[in-house]
Amino acid sequence: MTKKERWWKWHKDNPQVYELFEKFTFEAIGSGREHFSHWLIMNRIRWETAIKTTGPVFKISNDYIAYYARLFMSLHPEYKGFFKIKKMKEESNEER
């Protein structure tokens, strides 16, 4: 299973992570940012899920952060380039 396939399975099992990623990204966009860090968005999610919620703790792999940025820009093409991303080893030029 590739890293992307592992992420996709994890993503489907944890849809609340993308919901928060999208929410916090739109907050950043609404503040007037033209570019922002997907790592910072994910660390805010980690804060929210560790401090402000109850229930079992889950970890978000650093390996998955870039996929969330790509998913956001894919679903919202008007914000392509909002996150600065680098080509991943297993990624073709068409996927960026």
PDB file of N, CA and C in Angstrom:
ATOM      1  N   MET A   1       0.847  -1.174   0.000  1.00  0.00           N
ATOM      2  CA  MET A   1       0.000   0.000   0.000  1.00  0.00           C
ATOM      3  C   MET A   1       0.900   1.247   0.000  1.00  0.00           C
ATOM      4  N   THR A   2       0.612   2.179  -0.888  1.00  0.00           N
ATOM      5  CA  THR A   2       1.412   3.403  -0.964  1.00  0.00           C
ATOM      6  C   THR A   2       1.055   4.336   0.196  1.00  0.00           C
ATOM      7  N   LYS A   3       1.894   5.338   0.401  1.00  0.00           N
ATOM      8  CA  LYS A   3       1.624   6.333   1.429  1.00  0.00           C
ATOM      9  C   LYS A   3       0.291   7.032   1.163  1.00  0.00           C
ATOM     10  N   LYS A   4       0.039   7.337  -0.098  1.00  0.00           N
ATOM     11  CA  LYS A   4      -1.209   8.003  -0.459  1.00  0.00           C
ATOM     12  C   LYS A   4      -2.413   7.098  -0.162  1.00  0.00           C
ATOM     13  N   GLU A   5      -2.296   5.823  -0.438  1.00  0.00           N
ATOM     14  CA  GLU A   5      -3.386   4.882  -0.144  1.00  0.00           C
ATOM     15  C   GLU A   5      -3.624   4.762   1.362  1.00  0.00           C
ATOM     16  N   ARG A   6      -2.548   4.748   2.142  1.00  0.00           N
ATOM     17  CA  ARG A   6      -2.683   4.700   3.606  1.00  0.00           C
ATOM     18  C   ARG A   6      -3.379   5.965   4.107  1.00  0.00           C
ATOM     19  N   TRP A   7      -2.971   7.119   3.539  1.00  0.00           N
ATOM     20  CA  TRP A   7      -3.614   8.376   3.918  1.00  0.00           C
ATOM     21  C   TRP A   7      -5.099   8.345   3.554  1.00  0.00           C
ATOM     22  N   TRP A   8      -5.431   7.913   2.368  1.00  0.00           N
ATOM     23  CA  TRP A   8      -6.829   7.923   1.926  1.00  0.00           C
ATOM     24  C   TRP A   8      -7.693   7.066   2.849  1.00  0.00           C
ATOM     25  N   LYS A   9      -7.187   5.904   3.238  1.00  0.00           N
ATOM     26  CA  LYS A   9      -7.928   5.051   4.172  1.00  0.00           C
ATOM     27  C   LYS A   9      -8.104   5.782   5.504  1.00  0.00           C
ATOM     28  N   TRP A  10      -7.027   6.378   6.014  1.00  0.00           N
ATOM     29  CA  TRP A  10      -7.097   7.098   7.276  1.00  0.00           C
ATOM     30  C   TRP A  10      -8.062   8.281   7.162  1.00  0.00           C
ATOM     31  N   HIS A  11      -8.007   8.980   6.050  1.00  0.00           N
ATOM     32  CA  HIS A  11      -8.888  10.122   5.793  1.00  0.00           C
ATOM     33  C   HIS A  11     -10.357   9.697   5.828  1.00  0.00           C
ATOM     34  N   LYS A  12     -10.676   8.599   5.183  1.00  0.00           N
ATOM     35  CA  LYS A  12     -12.061   8.116   5.173  1.00  0.00           C
ATOM     36  C   LYS A  12     -12.531   7.702   6.565  1.00  0.00           C
ATOM     37  N   ASP A  13     -11.612   7.203   7.380  1.00  0.00           N
ATOM     38  CA  ASP A  13     -11.951   6.808   8.752  1.00  0.00           C
ATOM     39  C   ASP A  13     -12.022   7.998   9.707  1.00  0.00           C
ATOM     40  N   ASN A  14     -11.475   9.153   9.310  1.00  0.00           N
ATOM     41  CA  ASN A  14     -11.391  10.328  10.170  1.00  0.00           C
ATOM     42  C   ASN A  14     -11.815  11.589   9.415  1.00  0.00           C
ATOM     43  N   PRO A  15     -13.049  11.635   8.927  1.00  0.00           N
ATOM     44  CA  PRO A  15     -13.473  12.779   8.110  1.00  0.00           C
ATOM     45  C   PRO A  15     -13.471  14.112   8.852  1.00  0.00           C
ATOM     46  N   GLN A  16     -13.529  14.073  10.177  1.00  0.00           N
ATOM     47  CA  GLN A  16     -13.528  15.308  10.951  1.00  0.00           C
ATOM     48  C   GLN A  16     -12.224  16.088  10.777  1.00  0.00           C
ATOM     49  N   VAL A  17     -11.147  15.402  10.441  1.00  0.00           N
ATOM     50  CA  VAL A  17      -9.872  16.100  10.254  1.00  0.00           C
ATOM     51  C   VAL A  17      -9.955  17.020   9.039  1.00  0.00           C
ATOM     52  N   TYR A  18     -10.475  16.513   7.916  1.00  0.00           N
ATOM     53  CA  TYR A  18     -10.582  17.388   6.748  1.00  0.00           C
ATOM     54  C   TYR A  18     -11.595  18.502   6.990  1.00  0.00           C
ATOM     55  N   GLU A  19     -12.665  18.215   7.702  1.00  0.00           N
ATOM     56  CA  GLU A  19     -13.649  19.264   8.001  1.00  0.00           C
ATOM     57  C   GLU A  19     -12.980  20.417   8.740  1.00  0.00           C
ATOM     58  N   LEU A  20     -12.145  20.101   9.723  1.00  0.00           N
ATOM     59  CA  LEU A  20     -11.413  21.145  10.444  1.00  0.00           C
ATOM     60  C   LEU A  20     -10.368  21.805   9.551  1.00  0.00           C
ATOM     61  N   PHE A  21      -9.691  21.008   8.722  1.00  0.00           N
ATOM     62  CA  PHE A  21      -8.687  21.571   7.820  1.00  0.00           C
ATOM     63  C   PHE A  21      -9.334  22.611   6.908  1.00  0.00           C
ATOM     64  N   GLU A  22     -10.465  22.269   6.351  1.00  0.00           N
ATOM     65  CA  GLU A  22     -11.162  23.192   5.457  1.00  0.00           C
ATOM     66  C   GLU A  22     -11.645  24.430   6.229  1.00  0.00           C
ATOM     67  N   LYS A  23     -12.223  24.222   7.389  1.00  0.00           N
ATOM     68  CA  LYS A  23     -12.711  25.339   8.205  1.00  0.00           C
ATOM     69  C   LYS A  23     -11.586  26.323   8.532  1.00  0.00           C
ATOM     70  N   PHE A  24     -10.465  25.817   9.014  1.00  0.00           N
ATOM     71  CA  PHE A  24      -9.371  26.691   9.414  1.00  0.00           C
ATOM     72  C   PHE A  24      -8.679  27.325   8.202  1.00  0.00           C
ATOM     73  N   THR A  25      -8.677  26.619   7.082  1.00  0.00           N
ATOM     74  CA  THR A  25      -8.118  27.197   5.863  1.00  0.00           C
ATOM     75  C   THR A  25      -8.980  28.363   5.394  1.00  0.00           C
ATOM     76  N   PHE A  26     -10.287  28.201   5.424  1.00  0.00           N
ATOM     77  CA  PHE A  26     -11.165  29.304   5.038  1.00  0.00           C
ATOM     78  C   PHE A  26     -11.050  30.478   6.007  1.00  0.00           C
ATOM     79  N   GLU A  27     -10.770  30.210   7.274  1.00  0.00           N
ATOM     80  CA  GLU A  27     -10.513  31.301   8.216  1.00  0.00           C
ATOM     81  C   GLU A  27      -9.258  32.065   7.806  1.00  0.00           C
ATOM     82  N   ALA A  28      -8.225  31.339   7.417  1.00  0.00           N
ATOM     83  CA  ALA A  28      -6.982  31.980   6.977  1.00  0.00           C
ATOM     84  C   ALA A  28      -7.223  32.800   5.714  1.00  0.00           C
ATOM     85  N   ILE A  29      -7.971  32.250   4.785  1.00  0.00           N
ATOM     86  CA  ILE A  29      -8.298  32.971   3.550  1.00  0.00           C
ATOM     87  C   ILE A  29      -9.114  34.221   3.883  1.00  0.00           C
ATOM     88  N   GLY A  30     -10.076  34.075   4.777  1.00  0.00           N
ATOM     89  CA  GLY A  30     -10.917  35.195   5.172  1.00  0.00           C
ATOM     90  C   GLY A  30     -10.163  36.312   5.869  1.00  0.00           C
ATOM     91  N   SER A  31      -9.015  35.988   6.434  1.00  0.00           N
ATOM     92  CA  SER A  31      -8.209  37.008   7.104  1.00  0.00           C
ATOM     93  C   SER A  31      -7.368  37.817   6.118  1.00  0.00           C
ATOM     94  N   GLY A  32      -7.468  37.445   4.836  1.00  0.00           N
ATOM     95  CA  GLY A  32      -6.740  38.178   3.807  1.00  0.00           C
ATOM     96  C   GLY A  32      -5.444  37.523   3.352  1.00  0.00           C
ATOM     97  N   ARG A  33      -5.146  36.358   3.881  1.00  0.00           N
ATOM     98  CA  ARG A  33      -3.913  35.660   3.476  1.00  0.00           C
ATOM     99  C   ARG A  33      -4.008  35.195   2.028  1.00  0.00           C
ATOM    100  N   GLU A  34      -2.931  35.367   1.299  1.00  0.00           N
ATOM    101  CA  GLU A  34      -2.862  34.840  -0.063  1.00  0.00           C
ATOM    102  C   GLU A  34      -2.175  33.489  -0.096  1.00  0.00           C
ATOM    103  N   HIS A  35      -1.334  33.238   0.894  1.00  0.00           N
ATOM    104  CA  HIS A  35      -0.624  31.965   1.052  1.00  0.00           C
ATOM    105  C   HIS A  35      -0.591  31.661   2.542  1.00  0.00           C
ATOM    106  N   PHE A  36      -0.523  30.377   2.847  1.00  0.00           N
ATOM    107  CA  PHE A  36      -0.468  29.999   4.261  1.00  0.00           C
ATOM    108  C   PHE A  36       0.151  28.623   4.372  1.00  0.00           C
ATOM    109  N   SER A  37       0.525  28.268   5.588  1.00  0.00           N
ATOM    110  CA  SER A  37       1.181  26.994   5.853  1.00  0.00           C
ATOM    111  C   SER A  37       0.170  25.896   6.176  1.00  0.00           C
ATOM    112  N   HIS A  38       0.200  24.830   5.388  1.00  0.00           N
ATOM    113  CA  HIS A  38      -0.660  23.694   5.689  1.00  0.00           C
ATOM    114  C   HIS A  38      -0.214  23.005   6.983  1.00  0.00           C
ATOM    115  N   TRP A  39       1.051  23.129   7.318  1.00  0.00           N
ATOM    116  CA  TRP A  39       1.544  22.575   8.583  1.00  0.00           C
ATOM    117  C   TRP A  39       0.931  23.329   9.760  1.00  0.00           C
ATOM    118  N   LEU A  40       0.823  24.633   9.636  1.00  0.00           N
ATOM    119  CA  LEU A  40       0.223  25.423  10.702  1.00  0.00           C
ATOM    120  C   LEU A  40      -1.249  25.078  10.878  1.00  0.00           C
ATOM    121  N   ILE A  41      -1.959  24.886   9.766  1.00  0.00           N
ATOM    122  CA  ILE A  41      -3.361  24.464   9.830  1.00  0.00           C
ATOM    123  C   ILE A  41      -3.469  23.132  10.570  1.00  0.00           C
ATOM    124  N   MET A  42      -2.620  22.182  10.212  1.00  0.00           N
ATOM    125  CA  MET A  42      -2.687  20.859  10.843  1.00  0.00           C
ATOM    126  C   MET A  42      -2.335  20.934  12.327  1.00  0.00           C
ATOM    127  N   ASN A  43      -1.395  21.786  12.680  1.00  0.00           N
ATOM    128  CA  ASN A  43      -1.051  21.909  14.097  1.00  0.00           C
ATOM    129  C   ASN A  43      -2.183  22.560  14.884  1.00  0.00           C
ATOM    130  N   ARG A  44      -2.956  23.426  14.265  1.00  0.00           N
ATOM    131  CA  ARG A  44      -4.139  23.954  14.944  1.00  0.00           C
ATOM    132  C   ARG A  44      -5.160  22.833  15.158  1.00  0.00           C
ATOM    133  N   ILE A  45      -5.300  21.965  14.174  1.00  0.00           N
ATOM    134  CA  ILE A  45      -6.206  20.818  14.334  1.00  0.00           C
ATOM    135  C   ILE A  45      -5.733  19.947  15.488  1.00  0.00           C
ATOM    136  N   ARG A  46      -4.441  19.726  15.574  1.00  0.00           N
ATOM    137  CA  ARG A  46      -3.896  18.926  16.678  1.00  0.00           C
ATOM    138  C   ARG A  46      -4.233  19.582  18.012  1.00  0.00           C
ATOM    139  N   TRP A  47      -4.097  20.895  18.083  1.00  0.00           N
ATOM    140  CA  TRP A  47      -4.442  21.620  19.302  1.00  0.00           C
ATOM    141  C   TRP A  47      -5.933  21.433  19.628  1.00  0.00           C
ATOM    142  N   GLU A  48      -6.768  21.678  18.643  1.00  0.00           N
ATOM    143  CA  GLU A  48      -8.218  21.587  18.860  1.00  0.00           C
ATOM    144  C   GLU A  48      -8.626  20.200  19.328  1.00  0.00           C
ATOM    145  N   THR A  49      -8.068  19.171  18.714  1.00  0.00           N
ATOM    146  CA  THR A  49      -8.488  17.813  19.061  1.00  0.00           C
ATOM    147  C   THR A  49      -7.850  17.336  20.367  1.00  0.00           C
ATOM    148  N   ALA A  50      -6.722  17.904  20.753  1.00  0.00           N
ATOM    149  CA  ALA A  50      -6.064  17.480  21.989  1.00  0.00           C
ATOM    150  C   ALA A  50      -6.555  18.260  23.205  1.00  0.00           C
ATOM    151  N   ILE A  51      -6.867  19.529  23.021  1.00  0.00           N
ATOM    152  CA  ILE A  51      -7.191  20.393  24.157  1.00  0.00           C
ATOM    153  C   ILE A  51      -8.685  20.647  24.296  1.00  0.00           C
ATOM    154  N   LYS A  52      -9.355  20.908  23.191  1.00  0.00           N
ATOM    155  CA  LYS A  52     -10.741  21.351  23.268  1.00  0.00           C
ATOM    156  C   LYS A  52     -11.775  20.245  23.134  1.00  0.00           C
ATOM    157  N   THR A  53     -11.373  19.034  22.876  1.00  0.00           N
ATOM    158  CA  THR A  53     -12.343  17.950  22.724  1.00  0.00           C
ATOM    159  C   THR A  53     -12.065  16.858  23.747  1.00  0.00           C
ATOM    160  N   THR A  54     -13.050  16.014  23.954  1.00  0.00           N
ATOM    161  CA  THR A  54     -12.872  14.872  24.849  1.00  0.00           C
ATOM    162  C   THR A  54     -12.975  13.607  24.014  1.00  0.00           C
ATOM    163  N   GLY A  55     -12.560  12.523  24.576  1.00  0.00           N
ATOM    164  CA  GLY A  55     -12.605  11.262  23.851  1.00  0.00           C
ATOM    165  C   GLY A  55     -11.206  10.754  23.592  1.00  0.00           C
ATOM    166  N   PRO A  56     -11.122   9.666  22.850  1.00  0.00           N
ATOM    167  CA  PRO A  56      -9.805   9.073  22.610  1.00  0.00           C
ATOM    168  C   PRO A  56      -8.908  10.000  21.794  1.00  0.00           C
ATOM    169  N   VAL A  57      -7.649  10.012  22.141  1.00  0.00           N
ATOM    170  CA  VAL A  57      -6.660  10.809  21.425  1.00  0.00           C
ATOM    171  C   VAL A  57      -6.253  10.060  20.169  1.00  0.00           C
ATOM    172  N   PHE A  58      -6.189  10.765  19.061  1.00  0.00           N
ATOM    173  CA  PHE A  58      -5.670  10.141  17.853  1.00  0.00           C
ATOM    174  C   PHE A  58      -4.552  11.019  17.322  1.00  0.00           C
ATOM    175  N   LYS A  59      -3.650  10.409  16.611  1.00  0.00           N
ATOM    176  CA  LYS A  59      -2.504  11.124  16.074  1.00  0.00           C
ATOM    177  C   LYS A  59      -2.666  11.301  14.577  1.00  0.00           C
ATOM    178  N   ILE A  60      -2.230  12.449  14.103  1.00  0.00           N
ATOM    179  CA  ILE A  60      -2.253  12.748  12.673  1.00  0.00           C
ATOM    180  C   ILE A  60      -0.812  12.680  12.188  1.00  0.00           C
ATOM    181  N   SER A  61      -0.540  11.764  11.314  1.00  0.00           N
ATOM    182  CA  SER A  61       0.818  11.589  10.811  1.00  0.00           C
ATOM    183  C   SER A  61       1.270  12.795   9.995  1.00  0.00           C
ATOM    184  N   ASN A  62       2.501  13.221  10.226  1.00  0.00           N
ATOM    185  CA  ASN A  62       3.078  14.286   9.401  1.00  0.00           C
ATOM    186  C   ASN A  62       3.083  13.899   7.930  1.00  0.00           C
ATOM    187  N   ASP A  63       3.135  12.611   7.645  1.00  0.00           N
ATOM    188  CA  ASP A  63       3.140  12.136   6.259  1.00  0.00           C
ATOM    189  C   ASP A  63       1.854  12.507   5.522  1.00  0.00           C
ATOM    190  N   TYR A  64       0.796  12.805   6.257  1.00  0.00           N
ATOM    191  CA  TYR A  64      -0.502  13.062   5.641  1.00  0.00           C
ATOM    192  C   TYR A  64      -0.784  14.540   5.373  1.00  0.00           C
ATOM    193  N   ILE A  65      -0.009  15.425   5.958  1.00  0.00           N
ATOM    194  CA  ILE A  65      -0.310  16.858   5.878  1.00  0.00           C
ATOM    195  C   ILE A  65      -0.351  17.359   4.437  1.00  0.00           C
ATOM    196  N   ALA A  66       0.612  16.983   3.636  1.00  0.00           N
ATOM    197  CA  ALA A  66       0.652  17.441   2.245  1.00  0.00           C
ATOM    198  C   ALA A  66      -0.557  16.978   1.448  1.00  0.00           C
ATOM    199  N   TYR A  67      -1.081  15.809   1.791  1.00  0.00           N
ATOM    200  CA  TYR A  67      -2.266  15.308   1.081  1.00  0.00           C
ATOM    201  C   TYR A  67      -3.495  16.157   1.397  1.00  0.00           C
ATOM    202  N   TYR A  68      -3.586  16.644   2.616  1.00  0.00           N
ATOM    203  CA  TYR A  68      -4.721  17.514   2.952  1.00  0.00           C
ATOM    204  C   TYR A  68      -4.645  18.831   2.191  1.00  0.00           C
ATOM    205  N   ALA A  69      -3.458  19.380   2.048  1.00  0.00           N
ATOM    206  CA  ALA A  69      -3.306  20.614   1.261  1.00  0.00           C
ATOM    207  C   ALA A  69      -3.700  20.370  -0.190  1.00  0.00           C
ATOM    208  N   ARG A  70      -3.271  19.268  -0.739  1.00  0.00           N
ATOM    209  CA  ARG A  70      -3.612  18.929  -2.126  1.00  0.00           C
ATOM    210  C   ARG A  70      -5.118  18.692  -2.287  1.00  0.00           C
ATOM    211  N   LEU A  71      -5.716  18.011  -1.314  1.00  0.00           N
ATOM    212  CA  LEU A  71      -7.155  17.761  -1.380  1.00  0.00           C
ATOM    213  C   LEU A  71      -7.918  19.078  -1.348  1.00  0.00           C
ATOM    214  N   PHE A  72      -7.544  19.981  -0.456  1.00  0.00           N
ATOM    215  CA  PHE A  72      -8.228  21.266  -0.378  1.00  0.00           C
ATOM    216  C   PHE A  72      -8.152  22.005  -1.713  1.00  0.00           C
ATOM    217  N   MET A  73      -6.960  22.099  -2.286  1.00  0.00           N
ATOM    218  CA  MET A  73      -6.798  22.841  -3.537  1.00  0.00           C
ATOM    219  C   MET A  73      -7.474  22.130  -4.707  1.00  0.00           C
ATOM    220  N   SER A  74      -7.599  20.818  -4.629  1.00  0.00           N
ATOM    221  CA  SER A  74      -8.313  20.078  -5.663  1.00  0.00           C
ATOM    222  C   SER A  74      -9.819  20.344  -5.592  1.00  0.00           C
ATOM    223  N   LEU A  75     -10.345  20.382  -4.375  1.00  0.00           N
ATOM    224  CA  LEU A  75     -11.773  20.627  -4.189  1.00  0.00           C
ATOM    225  C   LEU A  75     -12.145  22.100  -4.371  1.00  0.00           C
ATOM    226  N   HIS A  76     -11.156  22.968  -4.217  1.00  0.00           N
ATOM    227  CA  HIS A  76     -11.368  24.416  -4.337  1.00  0.00           C
ATOM    228  C   HIS A  76     -10.308  24.994  -5.278  1.00  0.00           C
ATOM    229  N   PRO A  77     -10.428  24.711  -6.574  1.00  0.00           N
ATOM    230  CA  PRO A  77      -9.377  25.112  -7.524  1.00  0.00           C
ATOM    231  C   PRO A  77      -9.139  26.621  -7.581  1.00  0.00           C
ATOM    232  N   GLU A  78     -10.092  27.408  -7.130  1.00  0.00           N
ATOM    233  CA  GLU A  78      -9.883  28.853  -7.105  1.00  0.00           C
ATOM    234  C   GLU A  78      -8.791  29.246  -6.104  1.00  0.00           C
ATOM    235  N   TYR A  79      -8.403  28.325  -5.232  1.00  0.00           N
ATOM    236  CA  TYR A  79      -7.346  28.584  -4.254  1.00  0.00           C
ATOM    237  C   TYR A  79      -6.068  27.791  -4.549  1.00  0.00           C
ATOM    238  N   LYS A  80      -5.944  27.332  -5.792  1.00  0.00           N
ATOM    239  CA  LYS A  80      -4.718  26.627  -6.171  1.00  0.00           C
ATOM    240  C   LYS A  80      -3.534  27.549  -5.904  1.00  0.00           C
ATOM    241  N   GLY A  81      -2.536  27.049  -5.230  1.00  0.00           N
ATOM    242  CA  GLY A  81      -1.364  27.841  -4.889  1.00  0.00           C
ATOM    243  C   GLY A  81      -1.447  28.483  -3.512  1.00  0.00           C
ATOM    244  N   PHE A  82      -2.592  28.349  -2.832  1.00  0.00           N
ATOM    245  CA  PHE A  82      -2.706  28.911  -1.487  1.00  0.00           C
ATOM    246  C   PHE A  82      -1.680  28.267  -0.563  1.00  0.00           C
ATOM    247  N   PHE A  83      -1.537  26.956  -0.701  1.00  0.00           N
ATOM    248  CA  PHE A  83      -0.500  26.239   0.026  1.00  0.00           C
ATOM    249  C   PHE A  83       0.655  25.997  -0.929  1.00  0.00           C
ATOM    250  N   LYS A  84       1.854  26.286  -0.491  1.00  0.00           N
ATOM    251  CA  LYS A  84       3.036  26.004  -1.305  1.00  0.00           C
ATOM    252  C   LYS A  84       3.444  24.561  -1.045  1.00  0.00           C
ATOM    253  N   ILE A  85       3.405  23.774  -2.106  1.00  0.00           N
ATOM    254  CA  ILE A  85       3.698  22.353  -1.971  1.00  0.00           C
ATOM    255  C   ILE A  85       4.855  21.970  -2.881  1.00  0.00           C
ATOM    256  N   LYS A  86       5.517  20.920  -2.496  1.00  0.00           N
ATOM    257  CA  LYS A  86       6.614  20.371  -3.283  1.00  0.00           C
ATOM    258  C   LYS A  86       6.181  19.031  -3.853  1.00  0.00           C
ATOM    259  N   LYS A  87       6.784  18.676  -4.944  1.00  0.00           N
ATOM    260  CA  LYS A  87       6.496  17.380  -5.547  1.00  0.00           C
ATOM    261  C   LYS A  87       6.927  16.268  -4.591  1.00  0.00           C
ATOM    262  N   MET A  88       6.049  15.287  -4.434  1.00  0.00           N
ATOM    263  CA  MET A  88       6.351  14.144  -3.586  1.00  0.00           C
ATOM    264  C   MET A  88       6.986  13.043  -4.430  1.00  0.00           C
ATOM    265  N   LYS A  89       7.737  12.192  -3.813  1.00  0.00           N
ATOM    266  CA  LYS A  89       8.463  11.135  -4.523  1.00  0.00           C
ATOM    267  C   LYS A  89       7.555  10.287  -5.399  1.00  0.00           C
ATOM    268  N   GLU A  90       6.389   9.931  -4.891  1.00  0.00           N
ATOM    269  CA  GLU A  90       5.501   9.022  -5.633  1.00  0.00           C
ATOM    270  C   GLU A  90       4.521   9.772  -6.530  1.00  0.00           C
ATOM    271  N   GLU A  91       4.685  11.049  -6.675  1.00  0.00           N
ATOM    272  CA  GLU A  91       3.723  11.878  -7.384  1.00  0.00           C
ATOM    273  C   GLU A  91       4.178  12.183  -8.821  1.00  0.00           C
ATOM    274  N   SER A  92       3.245  12.105  -9.740  1.00  0.00           N
ATOM    275  CA  SER A  92       3.538  12.488 -11.110  1.00  0.00           C
ATOM    276  C   SER A  92       3.288  13.986 -11.246  1.00  0.00           C
ATOM    277  N   ASN A  93       3.735  14.590 -12.327  1.00  0.00           N
ATOM    278  CA  ASN A  93       3.545  16.020 -12.552  1.00  0.00           C
ATOM    279  C   ASN A  93       2.068  16.393 -12.648  1.00  0.00           C
ATOM    280  N   GLU A  94       1.225  15.498 -13.116  1.00  0.00           N
ATOM    281  CA  GLU A  94      -0.195  15.788 -13.262  1.00  0.00           C
ATOM    282  C   GLU A  94      -0.903  15.903 -11.918  1.00  0.00           C
ATOM    283  N   GLU A  95      -0.369  15.270 -10.874  1.00  0.00           N
ATOM    284  CA  GLU A  95      -1.040  15.253  -9.577  1.00  0.00           C
ATOM    285  C   GLU A  95      -0.867  16.548  -8.804  1.00  0.00           C
ATOM    286  N   ARG A  96       0.072  17.380  -9.166  1.00  0.00           N
ATOM    287  CA  ARG A  96       0.320  18.608  -8.431  1.00  0.00           C
ATOM    288  C   ARG A  96      -0.582  19.628  -8.951  1.00  0.00           C
TER     289      ARG A  96
END
